[in-house]
N, C-alpha and C. Protein backbone atom coordinates (compact mmCIF):
# COMPACT_ATOMS: atom_id res chain seq x y z
N MET A 1 41.04 2.89 3.28
CA MET A 1 40.85 1.71 4.00
C MET A 1 39.43 1.49 4.48
N LYS A 2 38.12 2.47 4.51
CA LYS A 2 37.14 1.82 4.28
C LYS A 2 36.90 1.10 2.96
N SER A 3 37.27 1.55 1.46
CA SER A 3 37.24 0.37 0.58
C SER A 3 37.48 -0.49 0.54
N VAL A 4 38.77 -0.78 1.31
CA VAL A 4 39.04 -2.48 1.40
C VAL A 4 37.78 -2.84 3.06
N ALA A 5 37.13 -2.08 3.52
CA ALA A 5 36.51 -3.11 4.22
C ALA A 5 34.83 -3.16 3.47
N ALA A 6 34.65 -2.25 2.70
CA ALA A 6 33.74 -2.52 1.84
C ALA A 6 33.75 -3.73 0.66
N ALA A 7 34.90 -3.73 0.18
CA ALA A 7 35.01 -4.77 -0.85
C ALA A 7 35.37 -5.89 0.25
N ALA A 8 35.74 -5.62 1.04
CA ALA A 8 35.75 -7.35 2.41
C ALA A 8 34.18 -7.58 2.29
N LEU A 9 33.39 -6.71 2.43
CA LEU A 9 32.10 -6.95 2.80
C LEU A 9 31.01 -7.62 1.81
N LEU A 10 31.68 -7.44 0.82
CA LEU A 10 30.94 -7.90 -0.85
C LEU A 10 31.56 -8.77 -1.15
N TRP A 11 32.74 -9.47 -1.21
CA TRP A 11 33.04 -10.67 -0.95
C TRP A 11 32.62 -11.71 0.08
N ALA A 12 32.37 -11.12 0.87
CA ALA A 12 32.09 -12.05 1.95
C ALA A 12 30.18 -12.05 1.74
N GLY A 13 29.50 -11.45 1.01
CA GLY A 13 28.35 -11.52 0.51
C GLY A 13 27.41 -10.18 1.03
N ILE A 14 27.78 -9.85 1.48
CA ILE A 14 27.10 -8.70 2.21
C ILE A 14 27.28 -7.35 1.17
N VAL A 15 25.83 -6.54 0.61
CA VAL A 15 25.84 -5.90 -0.31
C VAL A 15 25.68 -4.41 0.77
N LEU A 16 26.42 -3.52 0.87
CA LEU A 16 25.93 -2.01 0.92
C LEU A 16 24.72 -1.62 0.01
N ALA A 17 24.13 -1.06 1.32
CA ALA A 17 23.10 -0.13 0.42
C ALA A 17 23.35 0.77 -0.20
N ASP A 18 22.77 1.79 -0.60
CA ASP A 18 22.86 3.30 -1.18
C ASP A 18 22.07 3.77 -0.34
N GLU A 19 22.89 5.10 -0.27
CA GLU A 19 22.36 5.67 1.31
C GLU A 19 21.17 6.84 -0.03
N ARG A 20 19.76 6.73 0.97
CA ARG A 20 18.76 7.54 0.30
C ARG A 20 18.41 8.72 0.79
N ALA A 21 18.29 9.97 0.27
CA ALA A 21 18.03 11.29 0.64
C ALA A 21 16.59 11.50 0.02
N THR A 22 16.25 12.56 0.43
CA THR A 22 14.89 13.45 -0.41
C THR A 22 14.90 14.44 -1.00
N VAL A 23 14.77 14.90 -1.76
CA VAL A 23 14.94 16.24 -2.55
C VAL A 23 13.25 17.02 -2.70
N CYS A 24 13.48 17.74 -2.90
CA CYS A 24 12.00 18.47 -2.84
C CYS A 24 12.01 19.73 -3.69
N PHE A 25 10.95 19.98 -4.70
CA PHE A 25 11.30 21.07 -5.80
C PHE A 25 9.98 21.25 -5.86
N ASN A 26 10.12 22.06 -7.33
CA ASN A 26 8.73 22.83 -7.38
C ASN A 26 8.16 23.82 -6.54
N TYR A 27 8.89 24.78 -5.65
CA TYR A 27 8.72 25.65 -4.79
C TYR A 27 7.81 25.00 -3.52
N GLY A 28 8.16 25.22 -2.53
CA GLY A 28 7.20 24.64 -1.24
C GLY A 28 7.41 23.26 -1.16
N CYS A 29 8.04 22.66 -1.70
CA CYS A 29 8.56 21.08 -1.18
C CYS A 29 7.20 20.74 -1.97
N VAL A 30 6.15 21.27 -2.98
CA VAL A 30 5.65 20.51 -3.72
C VAL A 30 5.36 19.38 -3.98
N ALA A 31 6.71 19.20 -4.38
CA ALA A 31 7.26 17.53 -4.99
C ALA A 31 8.41 17.01 -4.60
N ARG A 32 8.41 15.85 -3.90
CA ARG A 32 9.29 15.43 -3.95
C ARG A 32 9.85 14.16 -4.43
N GLN A 33 11.08 13.74 -4.35
CA GLN A 33 11.69 12.51 -5.10
C GLN A 33 12.70 11.87 -4.20
N GLU A 34 12.82 10.91 -3.97
CA GLU A 34 13.88 10.30 -3.45
C GLU A 34 15.26 9.65 -4.10
N VAL A 35 16.18 10.12 -4.10
CA VAL A 35 17.50 9.80 -4.09
C VAL A 35 18.60 8.96 -3.86
N SER A 36 19.56 8.36 -4.21
CA SER A 36 20.05 7.41 -4.06
C SER A 36 22.07 7.98 -4.54
N PHE A 37 22.73 7.74 -2.83
CA PHE A 37 24.17 8.02 -2.95
C PHE A 37 24.90 6.67 -3.01
N SER A 38 25.86 6.17 -3.57
CA SER A 38 26.44 4.97 -3.63
C SER A 38 27.27 4.98 -2.56
N GLU A 39 27.40 3.64 -2.06
CA GLU A 39 28.68 3.92 -0.79
C GLU A 39 29.81 4.80 -1.23
N THR A 40 30.41 4.20 -2.89
CA THR A 40 31.25 4.82 -3.10
C THR A 40 31.78 6.08 -3.31
N ARG A 41 30.53 6.74 -3.35
CA ARG A 41 30.44 8.21 -3.43
C ARG A 41 30.48 8.76 -2.26
N LEU A 42 29.88 8.19 -1.47
CA LEU A 42 29.49 9.09 -0.32
C LEU A 42 31.02 8.64 0.37
N THR A 43 31.74 7.70 0.41
CA THR A 43 33.07 7.35 0.72
C THR A 43 34.38 8.37 0.36
N GLU A 44 33.81 8.64 -0.96
CA GLU A 44 34.81 10.14 -1.24
C GLU A 44 34.43 11.54 -0.91
N LEU A 45 33.31 11.31 -0.64
CA LEU A 45 32.93 12.75 0.29
C LEU A 45 33.24 12.81 1.75
N GLY A 46 33.14 11.48 2.11
CA GLY A 46 33.96 11.29 3.46
C GLY A 46 35.42 11.53 3.33
N ARG A 47 35.86 11.08 2.60
CA ARG A 47 37.35 11.17 2.06
C ARG A 47 37.87 12.89 2.24
N ARG A 48 37.41 13.47 1.75
CA ARG A 48 37.12 15.32 1.32
C ARG A 48 37.36 15.89 3.10
N LEU A 49 35.96 15.54 3.75
CA LEU A 49 35.56 15.61 4.64
C LEU A 49 36.60 15.81 5.54
N GLY A 50 37.19 14.19 5.88
CA GLY A 50 38.25 13.79 6.64
C GLY A 50 39.60 14.71 6.59
N LEU A 51 40.10 15.02 5.37
CA LEU A 51 41.09 15.97 5.47
C LEU A 51 40.95 17.18 6.24
N ALA A 52 39.89 17.96 6.65
CA ALA A 52 39.59 19.33 7.65
C ALA A 52 40.34 19.13 8.57
N ASP A 53 41.22 19.94 8.94
CA ASP A 53 41.63 19.82 10.44
C ASP A 53 41.03 21.00 11.19
N THR A 54 40.13 21.68 10.84
CA THR A 54 39.76 23.16 11.88
C THR A 54 38.10 23.28 11.32
N PRO A 55 37.36 23.68 12.20
CA PRO A 55 36.23 23.96 11.52
C PRO A 55 36.14 24.86 10.02
N VAL A 56 36.94 26.26 10.34
CA VAL A 56 36.50 26.50 8.85
C VAL A 56 37.31 25.80 7.61
N ALA A 57 38.52 24.83 7.94
CA ALA A 57 38.65 23.91 6.69
C ALA A 57 37.10 23.24 6.17
N GLU A 58 36.82 22.84 7.31
CA GLU A 58 35.48 21.85 7.26
C GLU A 58 34.01 22.58 6.23
N ARG A 59 34.36 23.84 6.92
CA ARG A 59 33.19 24.52 6.23
C ARG A 59 33.64 25.06 4.91
N ALA A 60 35.05 25.21 4.43
CA ALA A 60 35.11 25.45 2.72
C ALA A 60 34.90 24.27 2.07
N ILE A 61 35.20 23.01 2.62
CA ILE A 61 35.25 21.71 1.94
C ILE A 61 33.53 20.85 1.69
N LEU A 62 32.96 21.16 3.16
CA LEU A 62 31.64 21.42 3.07
C LEU A 62 30.60 21.79 2.16
N SER A 63 30.69 23.32 1.92
CA SER A 63 30.62 24.06 0.45
C SER A 63 30.75 23.28 -0.84
N LEU A 64 31.88 22.51 -1.07
CA LEU A 64 31.88 21.78 -2.26
C LEU A 64 31.09 20.58 -2.41
N VAL A 65 31.21 19.98 -0.70
CA VAL A 65 30.72 18.08 -1.14
C VAL A 65 29.33 18.66 -1.49
N VAL A 66 28.34 19.88 -0.37
CA VAL A 66 26.94 19.59 -0.78
C VAL A 66 27.07 20.35 -2.50
N GLY A 67 27.76 20.98 -2.66
CA GLY A 67 27.67 20.76 -4.47
C GLY A 67 27.34 19.71 -5.15
N GLN A 68 28.01 18.85 -5.05
CA GLN A 68 28.20 17.92 -5.41
C GLN A 68 27.63 16.49 -5.48
N LEU A 69 26.98 16.57 -4.21
CA LEU A 69 25.63 16.26 -3.70
C LEU A 69 24.23 16.25 -4.29
N TYR A 70 24.33 17.64 -4.71
CA TYR A 70 23.21 18.28 -5.49
C TYR A 70 23.36 17.72 -7.13
N LEU A 71 24.81 18.04 -7.64
CA LEU A 71 25.05 17.34 -8.86
C LEU A 71 24.79 15.83 -9.23
N TRP A 72 25.11 15.03 -8.02
CA TRP A 72 24.40 13.66 -8.21
C TRP A 72 23.18 13.63 -7.68
N ALA A 73 22.48 14.45 -7.07
CA ALA A 73 20.91 13.94 -7.02
C ALA A 73 20.54 14.56 -7.92
N GLY A 74 21.05 15.95 -9.45
CA GLY A 74 20.33 16.21 -10.42
C GLY A 74 20.20 15.18 -11.30
N GLU A 75 21.09 14.14 -11.35
CA GLU A 75 20.99 12.87 -12.13
C GLU A 75 19.92 12.15 -12.34
N GLN A 76 19.57 11.81 -11.25
CA GLN A 76 18.30 11.52 -10.99
C GLN A 76 16.84 11.86 -10.80
N SER A 77 16.78 13.12 -10.60
CA SER A 77 15.68 13.94 -10.25
C SER A 77 15.89 15.04 -11.09
N PRO A 78 14.70 15.76 -11.26
CA PRO A 78 14.43 17.22 -12.07
C PRO A 78 15.44 18.49 -11.65
N ILE A 79 16.20 18.56 -10.62
CA ILE A 79 16.16 19.28 -9.77
C ILE A 79 17.68 20.12 -10.66
N HIS A 80 18.17 19.57 -11.82
CA HIS A 80 19.16 19.77 -12.29
C HIS A 80 18.73 21.07 -13.17
N ALA A 81 17.64 21.26 -13.34
CA ALA A 81 17.10 22.37 -14.31
C ALA A 81 17.05 23.67 -13.35
N ASP A 82 17.33 23.54 -12.47
CA ASP A 82 17.59 24.47 -11.37
C ASP A 82 18.38 25.88 -11.55
N ARG A 83 17.66 26.80 -11.00
CA ARG A 83 18.87 27.98 -11.30
C ARG A 83 18.73 28.90 -10.22
N PRO A 84 19.49 29.86 -10.16
CA PRO A 84 20.06 30.44 -8.94
C PRO A 84 18.57 31.38 -8.31
N GLY A 85 18.23 31.56 -7.58
CA GLY A 85 17.43 32.51 -7.25
C GLY A 85 15.52 31.94 -7.31
N ASP A 86 14.63 32.86 -7.53
CA ASP A 86 13.65 32.15 -7.89
C ASP A 86 12.71 32.84 -9.30
N PHE A 87 13.70 33.64 -10.01
CA PHE A 87 13.03 34.15 -11.53
C PHE A 87 13.65 33.58 -12.67
N LEU A 88 14.31 32.96 -12.47
CA LEU A 88 15.54 32.17 -13.68
C LEU A 88 14.77 30.90 -14.28
N ASP A 89 14.35 30.14 -13.22
CA ASP A 89 13.77 29.44 -13.73
C ASP A 89 12.02 29.11 -13.89
N ASP A 90 11.47 30.28 -13.83
CA ASP A 90 10.11 30.07 -13.21
C ASP A 90 9.63 29.15 -14.57
N GLY A 91 8.62 28.34 -13.39
CA GLY A 91 7.66 27.51 -14.58
C GLY A 91 8.35 26.48 -14.82
N VAL A 92 10.08 26.03 -14.45
CA VAL A 92 10.28 24.86 -15.24
C VAL A 92 9.98 23.59 -14.21
N HIS A 93 10.12 22.62 -14.58
CA HIS A 93 9.80 20.98 -13.81
C HIS A 93 11.14 21.01 -13.07
N GLY A 94 11.49 21.02 -11.56
CA GLY A 94 12.69 20.74 -10.88
C GLY A 94 13.43 22.10 -10.50
N MET A 95 12.37 23.34 -10.35
CA MET A 95 12.57 24.34 -10.35
C MET A 95 12.48 24.31 -8.66
N MET A 96 13.50 25.08 -8.01
CA MET A 96 13.22 24.98 -6.29
C MET A 96 13.71 26.49 -5.94
N ASP A 97 12.80 26.78 -4.97
CA ASP A 97 13.21 28.11 -4.20
C ASP A 97 13.90 27.68 -2.78
N CYS A 98 13.85 28.59 -2.15
CA CYS A 98 14.78 28.48 -0.72
C CYS A 98 14.26 27.81 0.25
N ILE A 99 12.86 27.67 0.23
CA ILE A 99 12.34 26.26 0.92
C ILE A 99 12.72 24.90 0.40
N ASP A 100 12.58 24.60 -0.77
CA ASP A 100 13.27 23.58 -1.65
C ASP A 100 14.66 23.22 -1.10
N HIS A 101 15.26 24.26 -1.16
CA HIS A 101 16.92 24.44 -0.95
C HIS A 101 17.47 23.53 0.67
N ALA A 102 16.27 24.59 1.34
CA ALA A 102 16.77 24.76 2.87
C ALA A 102 16.20 23.20 3.60
N GLU A 103 15.38 22.50 3.05
CA GLU A 103 14.62 21.18 3.43
C GLU A 103 15.84 20.28 2.41
N THR A 104 16.07 20.66 1.11
CA THR A 104 17.12 19.99 0.61
C THR A 104 18.51 19.10 1.41
N THR A 105 18.78 20.75 1.52
CA THR A 105 20.23 20.63 2.10
C THR A 105 20.33 20.12 3.66
N SER A 106 19.32 20.75 4.27
CA SER A 106 19.23 19.64 5.43
C SER A 106 19.15 18.30 5.44
N GLY A 107 18.53 17.75 4.49
CA GLY A 107 18.67 16.27 4.89
C GLY A 107 19.97 15.77 4.45
N PHE A 108 20.69 16.69 2.91
CA PHE A 108 22.11 15.90 2.70
C PHE A 108 23.08 16.09 4.50
N LEU A 109 22.53 17.09 4.90
CA LEU A 109 23.70 17.42 6.38
C LEU A 109 23.34 16.60 7.04
N ARG A 110 22.26 16.14 7.11
CA ARG A 110 21.70 15.09 8.39
C ARG A 110 22.12 13.93 8.13
N MET A 111 22.11 13.60 6.56
CA MET A 111 23.03 11.99 5.90
C MET A 111 24.20 12.52 6.74
N MET A 112 24.65 13.27 6.22
CA MET A 112 26.07 13.72 6.43
C MET A 112 26.94 13.40 7.71
N GLU A 113 25.80 13.82 8.61
CA GLU A 113 25.83 14.11 10.32
C GLU A 113 26.19 12.31 11.04
N GLY A 114 24.38 11.85 10.12
CA GLY A 114 24.45 10.21 10.42
C GLY A 114 25.47 9.46 10.44
N ARG A 115 26.06 10.02 9.50
CA ARG A 115 27.10 9.23 8.89
C ARG A 115 28.47 9.29 9.50
N ARG A 116 28.72 10.46 10.41
CA ARG A 116 29.80 11.21 11.16
C ARG A 116 30.66 11.66 9.82
N MET A 117 30.28 12.17 8.89
CA MET A 117 31.54 12.81 8.31
C MET A 117 32.09 14.14 8.22
N MET A 118 30.93 14.69 9.47
CA MET A 118 31.44 15.86 9.86
C MET A 118 31.90 15.65 11.04
N ARG A 119 33.52 16.48 11.32
CA ARG A 119 33.68 16.49 12.36
C ARG A 119 34.09 17.29 13.82
N PHE A 120 33.56 18.69 13.22
CA PHE A 120 33.67 19.76 13.66
C PHE A 120 32.09 20.74 13.40
N HIS A 121 31.13 20.64 12.95
CA HIS A 121 30.01 20.88 12.99
C HIS A 121 28.38 19.95 13.02
N ALA A 122 27.68 20.28 13.83
CA ALA A 122 26.31 19.55 13.84
C ALA A 122 25.12 20.43 12.94
N VAL A 123 24.53 19.90 13.29
CA VAL A 123 23.18 19.96 11.59
C VAL A 123 21.88 20.85 12.82
N GLU A 124 21.97 22.27 13.04
CA GLU A 124 20.86 22.68 13.30
C GLU A 124 19.42 23.09 12.73
N PRO A 125 18.17 23.38 13.31
CA PRO A 125 17.33 23.71 12.25
C PRO A 125 17.30 24.62 10.76
N ILE A 126 16.23 24.21 10.31
CA ILE A 126 15.83 25.51 9.25
C ILE A 126 15.83 27.01 10.05
N GLN A 127 16.46 27.86 9.07
CA GLN A 127 16.24 29.59 9.65
C GLN A 127 15.77 30.14 8.90
N ARG A 128 14.79 31.02 9.30
CA ARG A 128 13.84 32.28 8.45
C ARG A 128 14.23 33.59 8.69
N ARG A 129 14.85 34.35 7.67
CA ARG A 129 15.34 35.72 7.65
C ARG A 129 14.03 36.32 6.99
N VAL A 130 13.39 37.58 7.66
CA VAL A 130 12.30 38.34 7.05
C VAL A 130 13.29 39.69 6.97
N ARG A 131 12.94 40.16 5.23
CA ARG A 131 13.31 41.39 5.36
C ARG A 131 12.17 42.47 4.72
N TRP A 132 12.19 43.63 5.56
CA TRP A 132 10.94 44.34 4.76
C TRP A 132 9.32 44.16 4.61
N LEU A 133 9.44 43.38 5.89
CA LEU A 133 8.13 42.41 6.30
C LEU A 133 7.27 42.17 4.89
N VAL A 134 8.13 41.87 3.81
CA VAL A 134 7.26 41.28 2.88
C VAL A 134 8.38 40.03 2.09
N THR A 135 9.56 40.26 2.44
CA THR A 135 10.41 38.94 1.71
C THR A 135 10.81 38.06 2.87
N GLN A 136 11.32 36.57 2.41
CA GLN A 136 11.10 35.84 3.69
C GLN A 136 12.48 34.57 2.72
N HIS A 137 13.73 34.76 3.45
CA HIS A 137 14.30 33.49 3.08
C HIS A 137 14.74 32.31 4.40
N PHE A 138 14.86 31.26 3.49
CA PHE A 138 14.65 30.05 4.29
C PHE A 138 16.14 29.33 4.20
N SER A 139 16.90 28.81 4.81
CA SER A 139 18.31 28.33 4.98
C SER A 139 18.76 26.84 6.05
N ALA A 140 19.20 26.22 5.32
CA ALA A 140 19.80 25.23 6.16
C ALA A 140 21.38 25.96 6.93
N VAL A 141 21.03 25.31 8.25
CA VAL A 141 22.27 26.39 9.18
C VAL A 141 23.00 24.66 9.48
N ILE A 142 24.50 25.07 10.11
CA ILE A 142 25.22 24.09 10.88
C ILE A 142 25.73 24.81 12.43
N ARG A 143 26.18 24.54 13.77
CA ARG A 143 26.57 24.89 13.84
C ARG A 143 27.76 24.25 14.07
N GLU A 144 28.93 25.39 14.82
CA GLU A 144 30.09 24.62 15.14
C GLU A 144 29.95 23.99 16.36
N THR A 145 31.12 23.24 16.25
CA THR A 145 30.80 22.31 17.70
C THR A 145 32.27 22.12 18.75
N ASN A 146 33.43 21.72 18.24
CA ASN A 146 34.86 21.82 18.64
C ASN A 146 34.29 21.43 20.41
N GLY A 147 33.35 20.69 20.37
CA GLY A 147 33.51 19.85 21.12
C GLY A 147 33.31 20.42 23.19
N GLU A 148 32.85 21.76 22.56
CA GLU A 148 31.88 22.56 23.76
C GLU A 148 30.38 22.18 23.96
N ALA A 149 29.81 22.63 24.98
CA ALA A 149 28.37 22.34 24.84
C ALA A 149 27.43 22.26 23.93
N PRO A 150 26.49 22.26 23.75
CA PRO A 150 25.73 22.16 22.43
C PRO A 150 25.43 22.86 22.30
N ASP A 151 25.11 24.37 22.98
CA ASP A 151 24.13 25.35 21.82
C ASP A 151 25.67 26.50 22.11
N ALA A 152 27.16 25.81 22.32
CA ALA A 152 27.97 27.10 22.35
C ALA A 152 28.67 27.57 21.12
N GLY A 153 28.50 27.21 19.90
CA GLY A 153 29.87 27.07 19.03
C GLY A 153 28.84 28.17 17.80
N ALA A 154 29.31 28.73 17.24
CA ALA A 154 28.65 29.90 16.24
C ALA A 154 28.04 29.16 14.88
N ARG A 155 27.32 29.97 14.77
CA ARG A 155 26.40 29.14 13.64
C ARG A 155 26.27 29.86 12.20
N PHE A 156 26.14 28.63 11.34
CA PHE A 156 26.61 29.30 9.51
C PHE A 156 25.28 28.79 9.35
N VAL A 157 24.47 29.10 8.41
CA VAL A 157 23.88 28.87 7.10
C VAL A 157 24.67 28.24 5.79
N VAL A 158 24.38 27.13 4.90
CA VAL A 158 24.69 26.42 4.42
C VAL A 158 23.56 26.66 3.41
N ASP A 159 24.15 27.74 2.46
CA ASP A 159 22.58 27.94 1.24
C ASP A 159 23.31 27.67 -0.18
N THR A 160 22.24 26.74 -0.81
CA THR A 160 22.27 27.04 -1.99
C THR A 160 21.42 27.52 -3.12
N TRP A 161 20.78 28.18 -2.79
CA TRP A 161 19.47 29.01 -3.19
C TRP A 161 20.14 29.77 -4.36
N PHE A 162 21.20 30.33 -4.07
CA PHE A 162 22.32 31.77 -4.76
C PHE A 162 22.87 31.31 -6.23
N GLY A 163 23.30 29.77 -6.28
CA GLY A 163 24.21 29.71 -6.99
C GLY A 163 23.24 28.77 -8.02
N GLU A 164 24.13 28.49 -9.08
CA GLU A 164 23.95 27.56 -10.34
C GLU A 164 23.43 26.22 -9.69
N HIS A 165 22.97 25.03 -10.30
CA HIS A 165 22.64 23.51 -10.11
C HIS A 165 23.93 23.29 -10.02
N GLY A 166 24.66 22.36 -8.35
CA GLY A 166 25.72 22.02 -8.19
C GLY A 166 27.27 22.97 -7.82
N ASP A 167 26.65 24.11 -7.87
CA ASP A 167 27.80 25.15 -7.16
C ASP A 167 27.99 24.77 -5.86
N PRO A 168 29.22 25.66 -5.66
CA PRO A 168 29.64 24.95 -4.18
C PRO A 168 28.36 25.71 -2.97
N ALA A 169 28.01 25.65 -2.35
CA ALA A 169 26.85 25.78 -1.15
C ALA A 169 27.89 27.38 -0.87
N VAL A 170 26.61 28.45 -0.17
CA VAL A 170 27.24 29.80 0.08
C VAL A 170 27.23 29.35 1.46
N VAL A 171 28.58 29.34 2.20
CA VAL A 171 28.57 29.29 4.19
C VAL A 171 28.95 30.92 4.47
N LEU A 172 27.95 31.58 5.43
CA LEU A 172 27.70 32.12 5.92
C LEU A 172 27.68 32.34 7.13
N PRO A 173 28.44 33.35 8.30
CA PRO A 173 28.01 32.88 9.61
C PRO A 173 26.65 33.32 9.77
N LEU A 174 25.47 32.76 10.48
CA LEU A 174 24.02 32.78 10.39
C LEU A 174 23.92 34.46 10.96
N GLU A 175 24.61 34.97 11.43
CA GLU A 175 24.05 36.87 11.91
C GLU A 175 24.11 37.26 10.54
N ASP A 176 25.16 37.05 9.88
CA ASP A 176 25.38 37.84 9.26
C ASP A 176 24.21 37.67 7.55
N TRP A 177 24.05 36.54 7.44
CA TRP A 177 22.63 36.13 6.58
C TRP A 177 21.60 36.75 6.77
N LEU A 178 21.48 36.71 8.52
CA LEU A 178 20.17 37.16 9.02
C LEU A 178 20.21 38.45 8.73
N ASP A 179 21.19 39.36 8.36
CA ASP A 179 21.52 41.10 8.14
C ASP A 179 21.63 41.06 6.54
N GLY A 180 21.18 40.13 5.84
CA GLY A 180 20.77 40.10 4.42
C GLY A 180 21.97 39.97 3.74
N GLU A 181 23.20 39.41 4.12
CA GLU A 181 24.34 39.46 3.16
C GLU A 181 24.03 38.03 2.55
N GLY A 182 25.01 37.91 1.59
CA GLY A 182 24.82 36.62 0.49
C GLY A 182 25.14 37.27 -0.87
N PRO A 183 25.24 36.63 -2.34
CA PRO A 183 25.00 37.40 -3.58
C PRO A 183 23.95 37.76 -3.79
N ASN A 184 24.17 38.62 -5.19
CA ASN A 184 22.68 39.27 -5.32
C ASN A 184 22.29 38.33 -6.32
N VAL A 185 21.26 37.69 -6.82
CA VAL A 185 20.59 36.82 -7.63
C VAL A 185 19.15 37.69 -8.37
N SER A 186 19.24 38.69 -8.06
CA SER A 186 18.39 39.50 -8.89
C SER A 186 18.41 39.97 -10.35
């Protein structure tokens, strides 16, 4: 239905602008680049997310959708060179540490939230975990809403740092992630 509306707007001479987002890379968001996503691509992602009928289903689809956004962003920026963790891509232009991933993923999630693509979740501030007093890790976070009070729902990390560029995001309960859960990329 939305594609029919988009076609009608184009016929009427109204051009739909691409949605812009910022990706950051080269560790600690040292470099930033704006990327854009077409209405056609975003409509497809919205359609996929619209299939979710529960928060669990939405998180599963969201994992895939975030990976897809990274693939499209990698067509326009050097982040396609990113590898899992922090050492497999050491020194490569476009490498991303967890700060880069947390900021970029949060931006993608806010973009989807602004377009009302998520029905069961809201974007939360980035979280940090500290382990053994020397290592830390950052991740984007969503909160299950279910129409309850704003802070009542369970929170989940949406973490793209663990996988290859464009892989589905790892979605874990925040408490598990804070306890060190997640794939091993060492």
